[in-house]
Amino acid sequence: MLILSVILQSFLLVTMTFAGGSMLAGAKNFVEMFDSLKLPQGFRVVTGLIQLAGAVGLVIGYGHLAAATWAGIWIGITMLVACLLHLRIKHPSGQAMPSLIIALIAAALVLVNAYGVPHPL
């Protein structure tokens, strides 16, 4: 299971780092996407920071299983919100699909790691 966890973490790490960095840099596609979602550009910056925070959690997760699991939860929730926003605006389902796929990969990471994480409460 460790190998699967590392593969899922690495995929999410690359994805979140690229997307979060692109949002912070003001990539044209993300600027246009937030305009189409009718959200202020400040949310784009906040979303980029949220994604980069998830990436940091994934990096820490290579040494601490619980950090990877919580980062997976963080990323999964973020991507589900993105998916719901696309559906709320009635974008074509193809635009919501990447967010949904990433949320499912994050859920897989959580499930793979769930057996070894102590209860937080």
PDB file of N, CA and C in Angstrom:
ATOM      1  N   MET A   1       0.809  -1.198   0.000  1.00  0.00           N
ATOM      2  CA  MET A   1       0.000   0.000   0.000  1.00  0.00           C
ATOM      3  C   MET A   1       0.854   1.264   0.000  1.00  0.00           C
ATOM      4  N   LEU A   2       2.052   1.161   0.523  1.00  0.00           N
ATOM      5  CA  LEU A   2       2.923   2.326   0.566  1.00  0.00           C
ATOM      6  C   LEU A   2       3.241   2.837  -0.832  1.00  0.00           C
ATOM      7  N   ILE A   3       3.478   1.946  -1.772  1.00  0.00           N
ATOM      8  CA  ILE A   3       3.806   2.360  -3.135  1.00  0.00           C
ATOM      9  C   ILE A   3       2.624   3.087  -3.757  1.00  0.00           C
ATOM     10  N   LEU A   4       1.411   2.565  -3.578  1.00  0.00           N
ATOM     11  CA  LEU A   4       0.217   3.218  -4.112  1.00  0.00           C
ATOM     12  C   LEU A   4       0.033   4.593  -3.486  1.00  0.00           C
ATOM     13  N   SER A   5       0.274   4.696  -2.201  1.00  0.00           N
ATOM     14  CA  SER A   5       0.158   5.978  -1.512  1.00  0.00           C
ATOM     15  C   SER A   5       1.145   6.999  -2.089  1.00  0.00           C
ATOM     16  N   VAL A   6       2.371   6.596  -2.311  1.00  0.00           N
ATOM     17  CA  VAL A   6       3.384   7.501  -2.854  1.00  0.00           C
ATOM     18  C   VAL A   6       3.015   7.930  -4.275  1.00  0.00           C
ATOM     19  N   ILE A   7       2.484   7.008  -5.067  1.00  0.00           N
ATOM     20  CA  ILE A   7       2.077   7.343  -6.435  1.00  0.00           C
ATOM     21  C   ILE A   7       0.938   8.367  -6.408  1.00  0.00           C
ATOM     22  N   LEU A   8      -0.079   8.122  -5.582  1.00  0.00           N
ATOM     23  CA  LEU A   8      -1.203   9.049  -5.486  1.00  0.00           C
ATOM     24  C   LEU A   8      -0.749  10.407  -4.959  1.00  0.00           C
ATOM     25  N   GLN A   9       0.088  10.397  -3.916  1.00  0.00           N
ATOM     26  CA  GLN A   9       0.624  11.642  -3.369  1.00  0.00           C
ATOM     27  C   GLN A   9       1.384  12.416  -4.427  1.00  0.00           C
ATOM     28  N   SER A  10       2.229  11.735  -5.160  1.00  0.00           N
ATOM     29  CA  SER A  10       3.059  12.405  -6.165  1.00  0.00           C
ATOM     30  C   SER A  10       2.209  13.018  -7.260  1.00  0.00           C
ATOM     31  N   PHE A  11       1.188  12.289  -7.720  1.00  0.00           N
ATOM     32  CA  PHE A  11       0.300  12.842  -8.741  1.00  0.00           C
ATOM     33  C   PHE A  11      -0.395  14.091  -8.222  1.00  0.00           C
ATOM     34  N   LEU A  12      -0.952  14.002  -7.006  1.00  0.00           N
ATOM     35  CA  LEU A  12      -1.635  15.158  -6.426  1.00  0.00           C
ATOM     36  C   LEU A  12      -0.674  16.312  -6.175  1.00  0.00           C
ATOM     37  N   LEU A  13       0.537  15.999  -5.757  1.00  0.00           N
ATOM     38  CA  LEU A  13       1.536  17.037  -5.503  1.00  0.00           C
ATOM     39  C   LEU A  13       1.844  17.827  -6.773  1.00  0.00           C
ATOM     40  N   VAL A  14       2.095  17.119  -7.862  1.00  0.00           N
ATOM     41  CA  VAL A  14       2.391  17.798  -9.131  1.00  0.00           C
ATOM     42  C   VAL A  14       1.186  18.611  -9.585  1.00  0.00           C
ATOM     43  N   THR A  15       0.012  18.022  -9.500  1.00  0.00           N
ATOM     44  CA  THR A  15      -1.205  18.698  -9.944  1.00  0.00           C
ATOM     45  C   THR A  15      -1.480  19.959  -9.133  1.00  0.00           C
ATOM     46  N   MET A  16      -1.419  19.849  -7.816  1.00  0.00           N
ATOM     47  CA  MET A  16      -1.727  20.998  -6.957  1.00  0.00           C
ATOM     48  C   MET A  16      -0.658  22.091  -7.068  1.00  0.00           C
ATOM     49  N   THR A  17       0.600  21.693  -7.194  1.00  0.00           N
ATOM     50  CA  THR A  17       1.669  22.683  -7.336  1.00  0.00           C
ATOM     51  C   THR A  17       1.517  23.444  -8.639  1.00  0.00           C
ATOM     52  N   PHE A  18       1.258  22.715  -9.725  1.00  0.00           N
ATOM     53  CA  PHE A  18       1.095  23.364 -11.031  1.00  0.00           C
ATOM     54  C   PHE A  18      -0.135  24.271 -11.045  1.00  0.00           C
ATOM     55  N   ALA A  19      -1.275  23.751 -10.595  1.00  0.00           N
ATOM     56  CA  ALA A  19      -2.506  24.536 -10.632  1.00  0.00           C
ATOM     57  C   ALA A  19      -2.433  25.733  -9.677  1.00  0.00           C
ATOM     58  N   GLY A  20      -1.963  25.497  -8.449  1.00  0.00           N
ATOM     59  CA  GLY A  20      -1.863  26.595  -7.492  1.00  0.00           C
ATOM     60  C   GLY A  20      -0.891  27.672  -7.943  1.00  0.00           C
ATOM     61  N   GLY A  21       0.253  27.249  -8.470  1.00  0.00           N
ATOM     62  CA  GLY A  21       1.231  28.216  -8.978  1.00  0.00           C
ATOM     63  C   GLY A  21       0.693  28.988 -10.166  1.00  0.00           C
ATOM     64  N   SER A  22      -0.024  28.308 -11.043  1.00  0.00           N
ATOM     65  CA  SER A  22      -0.612  28.982 -12.211  1.00  0.00           C
ATOM     66  C   SER A  22      -1.668  29.987 -11.791  1.00  0.00           C
ATOM     67  N   MET A  23      -2.448  29.642 -10.780  1.00  0.00           N
ATOM     68  CA  MET A  23      -3.459  30.581 -10.285  1.00  0.00           C
ATOM     69  C   MET A  23      -2.800  31.818  -9.692  1.00  0.00           C
ATOM     70  N   LEU A  24      -1.755  31.613  -8.909  1.00  0.00           N
ATOM     71  CA  LEU A  24      -1.063  32.757  -8.305  1.00  0.00           C
ATOM     72  C   LEU A  24      -0.372  33.619  -9.353  1.00  0.00           C
ATOM     73  N   ALA A  25       0.132  32.970 -10.412  1.00  0.00           N
ATOM     74  CA  ALA A  25       0.817  33.708 -11.466  1.00  0.00           C
ATOM     75  C   ALA A  25      -0.157  34.429 -12.392  1.00  0.00           C
ATOM     76  N   GLY A  26      -1.442  34.121 -12.278  1.00  0.00           N
ATOM     77  CA  GLY A  26      -2.439  34.784 -13.110  1.00  0.00           C
ATOM     78  C   GLY A  26      -2.512  34.228 -14.521  1.00  0.00           C
ATOM     79  N   ALA A  27      -2.366  32.918 -14.658  1.00  0.00           N
ATOM     80  CA  ALA A  27      -2.464  32.283 -15.972  1.00  0.00           C
ATOM     81  C   ALA A  27      -3.815  32.626 -16.607  1.00  0.00           C
ATOM     82  N   LYS A  28      -3.781  32.884 -17.894  1.00  0.00           N
ATOM     83  CA  LYS A  28      -4.957  33.360 -18.620  1.00  0.00           C
ATOM     84  C   LYS A  28      -6.164  32.440 -18.443  1.00  0.00           C
ATOM     85  N   ASN A  29      -5.937  31.125 -18.533  1.00  0.00           N
ATOM     86  CA  ASN A  29      -7.072  30.202 -18.431  1.00  0.00           C
ATOM     87  C   ASN A  29      -7.743  30.257 -17.062  1.00  0.00           C
ATOM     88  N   PHE A  30      -6.960  30.462 -15.999  1.00  0.00           N
ATOM     89  CA  PHE A  30      -7.567  30.543 -14.672  1.00  0.00           C
ATOM     90  C   PHE A  30      -8.259  31.884 -14.460  1.00  0.00           C
ATOM     91  N   VAL A  31      -7.703  32.945 -15.002  1.00  0.00           N
ATOM     92  CA  VAL A  31      -8.358  34.251 -14.919  1.00  0.00           C
ATOM     93  C   VAL A  31      -9.714  34.179 -15.614  1.00  0.00           C
ATOM     94  N   GLU A  32      -9.742  33.608 -16.814  1.00  0.00           N
ATOM     95  CA  GLU A  32     -10.998  33.476 -17.559  1.00  0.00           C
ATOM     96  C   GLU A  32     -11.980  32.549 -16.844  1.00  0.00           C
ATOM     97  N   MET A  33     -11.467  31.481 -16.240  1.00  0.00           N
ATOM     98  CA  MET A  33     -12.342  30.549 -15.544  1.00  0.00           C
ATOM     99  C   MET A  33     -13.021  31.224 -14.359  1.00  0.00           C
ATOM    100  N   PHE A  34     -12.276  31.993 -13.568  1.00  0.00           N
ATOM    101  CA  PHE A  34     -12.881  32.662 -12.417  1.00  0.00           C
ATOM    102  C   PHE A  34     -13.850  33.744 -12.862  1.00  0.00           C
ATOM    103  N   ASP A  35     -13.584  34.376 -14.007  1.00  0.00           N
ATOM    104  CA  ASP A  35     -14.550  35.326 -14.563  1.00  0.00           C
ATOM    105  C   ASP A  35     -15.838  34.606 -14.952  1.00  0.00           C
ATOM    106  N   SER A  36     -15.711  33.438 -15.584  1.00  0.00           N
ATOM    107  CA  SER A  36     -16.903  32.688 -16.006  1.00  0.00           C
ATOM    108  C   SER A  36     -17.672  32.140 -14.805  1.00  0.00           C
ATOM    109  N   LEU A  37     -16.972  31.886 -13.705  1.00  0.00           N
ATOM    110  CA  LEU A  37     -17.632  31.433 -12.478  1.00  0.00           C
ATOM    111  C   LEU A  37     -18.250  32.591 -11.708  1.00  0.00           C
ATOM    112  N   LYS A  38     -18.027  33.809 -12.217  1.00  0.00           N
ATOM    113  CA  LYS A  38     -18.542  35.034 -11.583  1.00  0.00           C
ATOM    114  C   LYS A  38     -17.986  35.212 -10.170  1.00  0.00           C
ATOM    115  N   LEU A  39     -16.695  34.893 -10.042  1.00  0.00           N
ATOM    116  CA  LEU A  39     -16.002  35.068  -8.769  1.00  0.00           C
ATOM    117  C   LEU A  39     -14.922  36.131  -8.931  1.00  0.00           C
ATOM    118  N   PRO A  40     -14.683  36.934  -7.891  1.00  0.00           N
ATOM    119  CA  PRO A  40     -13.619  37.932  -7.985  1.00  0.00           C
ATOM    120  C   PRO A  40     -12.248  37.270  -8.116  1.00  0.00           C
ATOM    121  N   GLN A  41     -11.328  37.978  -8.721  1.00  0.00           N
ATOM    122  CA  GLN A  41      -9.984  37.434  -8.937  1.00  0.00           C
ATOM    123  C   GLN A  41      -9.249  37.190  -7.621  1.00  0.00           C
ATOM    124  N   GLY A  42      -9.662  37.842  -6.555  1.00  0.00           N
ATOM    125  CA  GLY A  42      -9.078  37.571  -5.245  1.00  0.00           C
ATOM    126  C   GLY A  42      -9.295  36.125  -4.812  1.00  0.00           C
ATOM    127  N   PHE A  43     -10.425  35.535  -5.214  1.00  0.00           N
ATOM    128  CA  PHE A  43     -10.681  34.125  -4.915  1.00  0.00           C
ATOM    129  C   PHE A  43      -9.712  33.217  -5.659  1.00  0.00           C
ATOM    130  N   ARG A  44      -9.274  33.659  -6.838  1.00  0.00           N
ATOM    131  CA  ARG A  44      -8.294  32.880  -7.603  1.00  0.00           C
ATOM    132  C   ARG A  44      -7.000  32.783  -6.812  1.00  0.00           C
ATOM    133  N   VAL A  45      -6.587  33.899  -6.229  1.00  0.00           N
ATOM    134  CA  VAL A  45      -5.353  33.924  -5.439  1.00  0.00           C
ATOM    135  C   VAL A  45      -5.513  33.057  -4.185  1.00  0.00           C
ATOM    136  N   VAL A  46      -6.641  33.192  -3.514  1.00  0.00           N
ATOM    137  CA  VAL A  46      -6.888  32.394  -2.308  1.00  0.00           C
ATOM    138  C   VAL A  46      -6.922  30.905  -2.657  1.00  0.00           C
ATOM    139  N   THR A  47      -7.578  30.574  -3.772  1.00  0.00           N
ATOM    140  CA  THR A  47      -7.641  29.175  -4.201  1.00  0.00           C
ATOM    141  C   THR A  47      -6.249  28.644  -4.521  1.00  0.00           C
ATOM    142  N   GLY A  48      -5.421  29.462  -5.158  1.00  0.00           N
ATOM    143  CA  GLY A  48      -4.044  29.050  -5.439  1.00  0.00           C
ATOM    144  C   GLY A  48      -3.271  28.781  -4.156  1.00  0.00           C
ATOM    145  N   LEU A  49      -3.459  29.625  -3.159  1.00  0.00           N
ATOM    146  CA  LEU A  49      -2.791  29.416  -1.868  1.00  0.00           C
ATOM    147  C   LEU A  49      -3.304  28.159  -1.171  1.00  0.00           C
ATOM    148  N   ILE A  50      -4.612  27.905  -1.279  1.00  0.00           N
ATOM    149  CA  ILE A  50      -5.187  26.702  -0.686  1.00  0.00           C
ATOM    150  C   ILE A  50      -4.598  25.459  -1.345  1.00  0.00           C
ATOM    151  N   GLN A  51      -4.463  25.491  -2.672  1.00  0.00           N
ATOM    152  CA  GLN A  51      -3.893  24.346  -3.374  1.00  0.00           C
ATOM    153  C   GLN A  51      -2.424  24.151  -3.013  1.00  0.00           C
ATOM    154  N   LEU A  52      -1.683  25.231  -2.884  1.00  0.00           N
ATOM    155  CA  LEU A  52      -0.275  25.106  -2.502  1.00  0.00           C
ATOM    156  C   LEU A  52      -0.136  24.617  -1.063  1.00  0.00           C
ATOM    157  N   ALA A  53      -1.076  25.002  -0.189  1.00  0.00           N
ATOM    158  CA  ALA A  53      -1.056  24.481   1.184  1.00  0.00           C
ATOM    159  C   ALA A  53      -1.284  22.968   1.175  1.00  0.00           C
ATOM    160  N   GLY A  54      -2.174  22.503   0.312  1.00  0.00           N
ATOM    161  CA  GLY A  54      -2.373  21.065   0.166  1.00  0.00           C
ATOM    162  C   GLY A  54      -1.120  20.373  -0.327  1.00  0.00           C
ATOM    163  N   ALA A  55      -0.415  21.028  -1.255  1.00  0.00           N
ATOM    164  CA  ALA A  55       0.838  20.459  -1.772  1.00  0.00           C
ATOM    165  C   ALA A  55       1.887  20.363  -0.669  1.00  0.00           C
ATOM    166  N   VAL A  56       1.955  21.361   0.187  1.00  0.00           N
ATOM    167  CA  VAL A  56       2.899  21.320   1.310  1.00  0.00           C
ATOM    168  C   VAL A  56       2.552  20.156   2.235  1.00  0.00           C
ATOM    169  N   GLY A  57       1.256  19.969   2.489  1.00  0.00           N
ATOM    170  CA  GLY A  57       0.835  18.831   3.308  1.00  0.00           C
ATOM    171  C   GLY A  57       1.225  17.501   2.692  1.00  0.00           C
ATOM    172  N   LEU A  58       1.163  17.418   1.367  1.00  0.00           N
ATOM    173  CA  LEU A  58       1.570  16.188   0.685  1.00  0.00           C
ATOM    174  C   LEU A  58       3.067  15.944   0.815  1.00  0.00           C
ATOM    175  N   VAL A  59       3.854  17.013   0.737  1.00  0.00           N
ATOM    176  CA  VAL A  59       5.307  16.865   0.897  1.00  0.00           C
ATOM    177  C   VAL A  59       5.624  16.381   2.305  1.00  0.00           C
ATOM    178  N   ILE A  60       4.994  16.986   3.293  1.00  0.00           N
ATOM    179  CA  ILE A  60       5.189  16.544   4.676  1.00  0.00           C
ATOM    180  C   ILE A  60       4.719  15.103   4.827  1.00  0.00           C
ATOM    181  N   GLY A  61       3.688  14.742   4.067  1.00  0.00           N
ATOM    182  CA  GLY A  61       3.111  13.405   4.131  1.00  0.00           C
ATOM    183  C   GLY A  61       4.034  12.293   3.694  1.00  0.00           C
ATOM    184  N   TYR A  62       5.090  12.613   2.957  1.00  0.00           N
ATOM    185  CA  TYR A  62       6.046  11.566   2.596  1.00  0.00           C
ATOM    186  C   TYR A  62       6.720  10.997   3.845  1.00  0.00           C
ATOM    187  N   GLY A  63       6.818  11.821   4.888  1.00  0.00           N
ATOM    188  CA  GLY A  63       7.434  11.357   6.128  1.00  0.00           C
ATOM    189  C   GLY A  63       6.428  11.043   7.219  1.00  0.00           C
ATOM    190  N   HIS A  64       5.247  11.628   7.120  1.00  0.00           N
ATOM    191  CA  HIS A  64       4.218  11.461   8.150  1.00  0.00           C
ATOM    192  C   HIS A  64       2.895  11.116   7.476  1.00  0.00           C
ATOM    193  N   LEU A  65       2.460   9.912   7.648  1.00  0.00           N
ATOM    194  CA  LEU A  65       1.264   9.398   7.002  1.00  0.00           C
ATOM    195  C   LEU A  65       0.032  10.257   7.272  1.00  0.00           C
ATOM    196  N   ALA A  66      -0.100  10.726   8.500  1.00  0.00           N
ATOM    197  CA  ALA A  66      -1.279  11.527   8.856  1.00  0.00           C
ATOM    198  C   ALA A  66      -1.340  12.815   8.041  1.00  0.00           C
ATOM    199  N   ALA A  67      -0.202  13.437   7.783  1.00  0.00           N
ATOM    200  CA  ALA A  67      -0.188  14.677   6.991  1.00  0.00           C
ATOM    201  C   ALA A  67      -0.669  14.423   5.571  1.00  0.00           C
ATOM    202  N   ALA A  68      -0.277  13.307   4.992  1.00  0.00           N
ATOM    203  CA  ALA A  68      -0.731  12.966   3.638  1.00  0.00           C
ATOM    204  C   ALA A  68      -2.235  12.740   3.619  1.00  0.00           C
ATOM    205  N   THR A  69      -2.745  12.085   4.650  1.00  0.00           N
ATOM    206  CA  THR A  69      -4.173  11.810   4.722  1.00  0.00           C
ATOM    207  C   THR A  69      -4.968  13.100   4.871  1.00  0.00           C
ATOM    208  N   TRP A  70      -4.536  13.969   5.767  1.00  0.00           N
ATOM    209  CA  TRP A  70      -5.244  15.237   5.955  1.00  0.00           C
ATOM    210  C   TRP A  70      -5.109  16.135   4.732  1.00  0.00           C
ATOM    211  N   ALA A  71      -3.971  16.091   4.064  1.00  0.00           N
ATOM    212  CA  ALA A  71      -3.820  16.855   2.813  1.00  0.00           C
ATOM    213  C   ALA A  71      -4.768  16.317   1.751  1.00  0.00           C
ATOM    214  N   GLY A  72      -4.959  14.999   1.719  1.00  0.00           N
ATOM    215  CA  GLY A  72      -5.907  14.411   0.786  1.00  0.00           C
ATOM    216  C   GLY A  72      -7.328  14.875   1.056  1.00  0.00           C
ATOM    217  N   ILE A  73      -7.691  14.955   2.324  1.00  0.00           N
ATOM    218  CA  ILE A  73      -9.018  15.466   2.690  1.00  0.00           C
ATOM    219  C   ILE A  73      -9.153  16.926   2.261  1.00  0.00           C
ATOM    220  N   TRP A  74      -8.142  17.720   2.544  1.00  0.00           N
ATOM    221  CA  TRP A  74      -8.108  19.148   2.183  1.00  0.00           C
ATOM    222  C   TRP A  74      -8.284  19.322   0.674  1.00  0.00           C
ATOM    223  N   ILE A  75      -7.517  18.586  -0.100  1.00  0.00           N
ATOM    224  CA  ILE A  75      -7.567  18.693  -1.562  1.00  0.00           C
ATOM    225  C   ILE A  75      -8.898  18.165  -2.085  1.00  0.00           C
ATOM    226  N   GLY A  76      -9.379  17.070  -1.523  1.00  0.00           N
ATOM    227  CA  GLY A  76     -10.651  16.513  -1.959  1.00  0.00           C
ATOM    228  C   GLY A  76     -11.802  17.486  -1.775  1.00  0.00           C
ATOM    229  N   ILE A  77     -11.854  18.129  -0.619  1.00  0.00           N
ATOM    230  CA  ILE A  77     -12.908  19.114  -0.362  1.00  0.00           C
ATOM    231  C   ILE A  77     -12.774  20.292  -1.323  1.00  0.00           C
ATOM    232  N   THR A  78     -11.553  20.756  -1.523  1.00  0.00           N
ATOM    233  CA  THR A  78     -11.322  21.874  -2.443  1.00  0.00           C
ATOM    234  C   THR A  78     -11.804  21.535  -3.848  1.00  0.00           C
ATOM    235  N   MET A  79     -11.503  20.345  -4.306  1.00  0.00           N
ATOM    236  CA  MET A  79     -11.884  19.953  -5.665  1.00  0.00           C
ATOM    237  C   MET A  79     -13.387  19.690  -5.784  1.00  0.00           C
ATOM    238  N   LEU A  80     -14.019  19.202  -4.723  1.00  0.00           N
ATOM    239  CA  LEU A  80     -15.471  19.045  -4.751  1.00  0.00           C
ATOM    240  C   LEU A  80     -16.169  20.394  -4.830  1.00  0.00           C
ATOM    241  N   VAL A  81     -15.656  21.381  -4.110  1.00  0.00           N
ATOM    242  CA  VAL A  81     -16.215  22.736  -4.200  1.00  0.00           C
ATOM    243  C   VAL A  81     -16.043  23.277  -5.616  1.00  0.00           C
ATOM    244  N   ALA A  82     -14.879  23.050  -6.220  1.00  0.00           N
ATOM    245  CA  ALA A  82     -14.657  23.494  -7.602  1.00  0.00           C
ATOM    246  C   ALA A  82     -15.642  22.829  -8.546  1.00  0.00           C
ATOM    247  N   CYS A  83     -15.855  21.556  -8.373  1.00  0.00           N
ATOM    248  CA  CYS A  83     -16.793  20.814  -9.218  1.00  0.00           C
ATOM    249  C   CYS A  83     -18.214  21.369  -9.064  1.00  0.00           C
ATOM    250  N   LEU A  84     -18.622  21.614  -7.833  1.00  0.00           N
ATOM    251  CA  LEU A  84     -19.955  22.155  -7.585  1.00  0.00           C
ATOM    252  C   LEU A  84     -20.118  23.552  -8.173  1.00  0.00           C
ATOM    253  N   LEU A  85     -19.076  24.362  -8.121  1.00  0.00           N
ATOM    254  CA  LEU A  85     -19.145  25.694  -8.727  1.00  0.00           C
ATOM    255  C   LEU A  85     -19.348  25.599 -10.235  1.00  0.00           C
ATOM    256  N   HIS A  86     -18.637  24.694 -10.878  1.00  0.00           N
ATOM    257  CA  HIS A  86     -18.820  24.514 -12.316  1.00  0.00           C
ATOM    258  C   HIS A  86     -20.256  24.081 -12.631  1.00  0.00           C
ATOM    259  N   LEU A  87     -20.792  23.181 -11.842  1.00  0.00           N
ATOM    260  CA  LEU A  87     -22.153  22.708 -12.071  1.00  0.00           C
ATOM    261  C   LEU A  87     -23.180  23.795 -11.775  1.00  0.00           C
ATOM    262  N   ARG A  88     -22.909  24.614 -10.771  1.00  0.00           N
ATOM    263  CA  ARG A  88     -23.827  25.700 -10.412  1.00  0.00           C
ATOM    264  C   ARG A  88     -23.963  26.708 -11.547  1.00  0.00           C
ATOM    265  N   ILE A  89     -22.864  26.971 -12.230  1.00  0.00           N
ATOM    266  CA  ILE A  89     -22.863  27.932 -13.334  1.00  0.00           C
ATOM    267  C   ILE A  89     -23.363  27.279 -14.622  1.00  0.00           C
ATOM    268  N   LYS A  90     -23.558  25.958 -14.570  1.00  0.00           N
ATOM    269  CA  LYS A  90     -24.019  25.178 -15.713  1.00  0.00           C
ATOM    270  C   LYS A  90     -22.987  25.145 -16.841  1.00  0.00           C
ATOM    271  N   HIS A  91     -21.719  25.040 -16.430  1.00  0.00           N
ATOM    272  CA  HIS A  91     -20.667  24.794 -17.412  1.00  0.00           C
ATOM    273  C   HIS A  91     -20.886  23.404 -18.004  1.00  0.00           C
ATOM    274  N   PRO A  92     -20.354  23.158 -19.182  1.00  0.00           N
ATOM    275  CA  PRO A  92     -20.414  21.780 -19.705  1.00  0.00           C
ATOM    276  C   PRO A  92     -19.733  20.835 -18.710  1.00  0.00           C
ATOM    277  N   SER A  93     -20.245  19.620 -18.630  1.00  0.00           N
ATOM    278  CA  SER A  93     -19.729  18.676 -17.627  1.00  0.00           C
ATOM    279  C   SER A  93     -18.238  18.409 -17.813  1.00  0.00           C
ATOM    280  N   GLY A  94     -17.717  18.597 -19.020  1.00  0.00           N
ATOM    281  CA  GLY A  94     -16.294  18.393 -19.272  1.00  0.00           C
ATOM    282  C   GLY A  94     -15.415  19.348 -18.479  1.00  0.00           C
ATOM    283  N   GLN A  95     -15.940  20.535 -18.155  1.00  0.00           N
ATOM    284  CA  GLN A  95     -15.143  21.480 -17.369  1.00  0.00           C
ATOM    285  C   GLN A  95     -15.106  21.112 -15.897  1.00  0.00           C
ATOM    286  N   ALA A  96     -16.113  20.415 -15.420  1.00  0.00           N
ATOM    287  CA  ALA A  96     -16.134  19.990 -14.015  1.00  0.00           C
ATOM    288  C   ALA A  96     -15.389  18.675 -13.820  1.00  0.00           C
ATOM    289  N   MET A  97     -15.173  17.943 -14.890  1.00  0.00           N
ATOM    290  CA  MET A  97     -14.591  16.605 -14.797  1.00  0.00           C
ATOM    291  C   MET A  97     -13.181  16.584 -14.187  1.00  0.00           C
ATOM    292  N   PRO A  98     -12.254  17.476 -14.565  1.00  0.00           N
ATOM    293  CA  PRO A  98     -10.922  17.418 -13.929  1.00  0.00           C
ATOM    294  C   PRO A  98     -10.989  17.568 -12.407  1.00  0.00           C
ATOM    295  N   SER A  99     -11.835  18.468 -11.933  1.00  0.00           N
ATOM    296  CA  SER A  99     -11.969  18.647 -10.482  1.00  0.00           C
ATOM    297  C   SER A  99     -12.510  17.382  -9.821  1.00  0.00           C
ATOM    298  N   LEU A 100     -13.484  16.762 -10.469  1.00  0.00           N
ATOM    299  CA  LEU A 100     -14.056  15.541  -9.917  1.00  0.00           C
ATOM    300  C   LEU A 100     -13.034  14.409  -9.891  1.00  0.00           C
ATOM    301  N   ILE A 101     -12.254  14.269 -10.944  1.00  0.00           N
ATOM    302  CA  ILE A 101     -11.240  13.213 -11.002  1.00  0.00           C
ATOM    303  C   ILE A 101     -10.181  13.418  -9.922  1.00  0.00           C
ATOM    304  N   ILE A 102      -9.749  14.661  -9.742  1.00  0.00           N
ATOM    305  CA  ILE A 102      -8.751  14.945  -8.704  1.00  0.00           C
ATOM    306  C   ILE A 102      -9.337  14.678  -7.322  1.00  0.00           C
ATOM    307  N   ALA A 103     -10.619  15.012  -7.116  1.00  0.00           N
ATOM    308  CA  ALA A 103     -11.271  14.726  -5.835  1.00  0.00           C
ATOM    309  C   ALA A 103     -11.315  13.221  -5.583  1.00  0.00           C
ATOM    310  N   LEU A 104     -11.584  12.438  -6.616  1.00  0.00           N
ATOM    311  CA  LEU A 104     -11.621  10.986  -6.464  1.00  0.00           C
ATOM    312  C   LEU A 104     -10.230  10.413  -6.167  1.00  0.00           C
ATOM    313  N   ILE A 105      -9.202  10.981  -6.787  1.00  0.00           N
ATOM    314  CA  ILE A 105      -7.832  10.535  -6.503  1.00  0.00           C
ATOM    315  C   ILE A 105      -7.458  10.883  -5.064  1.00  0.00           C
ATOM    316  N   ALA A 106      -7.866  12.071  -4.612  1.00  0.00           N
ATOM    317  CA  ALA A 106      -7.606  12.453  -3.223  1.00  0.00           C
ATOM    318  C   ALA A 106      -8.343  11.519  -2.266  1.00  0.00           C
ATOM    319  N   ALA A 107      -9.574  11.140  -2.613  1.00  0.00           N
ATOM    320  CA  ALA A 107     -10.327  10.198  -1.780  1.00  0.00           C
ATOM    321  C   ALA A 107      -9.623   8.843  -1.745  1.00  0.00           C
ATOM    322  N   ALA A 108      -9.072   8.430  -2.876  1.00  0.00           N
ATOM    323  CA  ALA A 108      -8.329   7.161  -2.907  1.00  0.00           C
ATOM    324  C   ALA A 108      -7.112   7.231  -1.988  1.00  0.00           C
ATOM    325  N   LEU A 109      -6.422   8.379  -1.989  1.00  0.00           N
ATOM    326  CA  LEU A 109      -5.270   8.547  -1.094  1.00  0.00           C
ATOM    327  C   LEU A 109      -5.704   8.430   0.365  1.00  0.00           C
ATOM    328  N   VAL A 110      -6.803   9.055   0.698  1.00  0.00           N
ATOM    329  CA  VAL A 110      -7.307   8.991   2.077  1.00  0.00           C
ATOM    330  C   VAL A 110      -7.645   7.551   2.449  1.00  0.00           C
ATOM    331  N   LEU A 111      -8.306   6.843   1.554  1.00  0.00           N
ATOM    332  CA  LEU A 111      -8.687   5.459   1.842  1.00  0.00           C
ATOM    333  C   LEU A 111      -7.476   4.542   1.969  1.00  0.00           C
ATOM    334  N   VAL A 112      -6.473   4.757   1.131  1.00  0.00           N
ATOM    335  CA  VAL A 112      -5.261   3.930   1.186  1.00  0.00           C
ATOM    336  C   VAL A 112      -4.527   4.148   2.511  1.00  0.00           C
ATOM    337  N   ASN A 113      -4.533   5.389   2.997  1.00  0.00           N
ATOM    338  CA  ASN A 113      -3.786   5.719   4.215  1.00  0.00           C
ATOM    339  C   ASN A 113      -4.613   5.616   5.482  1.00  0.00           C
ATOM    340  N   ALA A 114      -5.922   5.454   5.365  1.00  0.00           N
ATOM    341  CA  ALA A 114      -6.806   5.572   6.528  1.00  0.00           C
ATOM    342  C   ALA A 114      -6.492   4.578   7.643  1.00  0.00           C
ATOM    343  N   TYR A 115      -6.019   3.393   7.312  1.00  0.00           N
ATOM    344  CA  TYR A 115      -5.776   2.383   8.343  1.00  0.00           C
ATOM    345  C   TYR A 115      -4.656   2.771   9.304  1.00  0.00           C
ATOM    346  N   GLY A 116      -3.732   3.623   8.880  1.00  0.00           N
ATOM    347  CA  GLY A 116      -2.574   3.925   9.722  1.00  0.00           C
ATOM    348  C   GLY A 116      -2.618   5.283  10.395  1.00  0.00           C
ATOM    349  N   VAL A 117      -3.726   5.987  10.283  1.00  0.00           N
ATOM    350  CA  VAL A 117      -3.794   7.347  10.833  1.00  0.00           C
ATOM    351  C   VAL A 117      -4.538   7.324  12.159  1.00  0.00           C
ATOM    352  N   PRO A 118      -3.948   7.886  13.214  1.00  0.00           N
ATOM    353  CA  PRO A 118      -4.639   7.933  14.495  1.00  0.00           C
ATOM    354  C   PRO A 118      -5.842   8.882  14.432  1.00  0.00           C
ATOM    355  N   HIS A 119      -6.844   8.607  15.225  1.00  0.00           N
ATOM    356  CA  HIS A 119      -8.032   9.437  15.271  1.00  0.00           C
ATOM    357  C   HIS A 119      -7.662  10.821  15.812  1.00  0.00           C
ATOM    358  N   PRO A 120      -8.159  11.903  15.171  1.00  0.00           N
ATOM    359  CA  PRO A 120      -7.731  13.250  15.575  1.00  0.00           C
ATOM    360  C   PRO A 120      -8.347  13.752  16.872  1.00  0.00           C
ATOM    361  N   LEU A 121      -9.390  13.124  17.370  1.00  0.00           N
ATOM    362  CA  LEU A 121     -10.055  13.667  18.573  1.00  0.00           C
ATOM    363  C   LEU A 121      -9.746  12.873  19.793  1.00  0.00           C
TER     364      LEU A 121
END
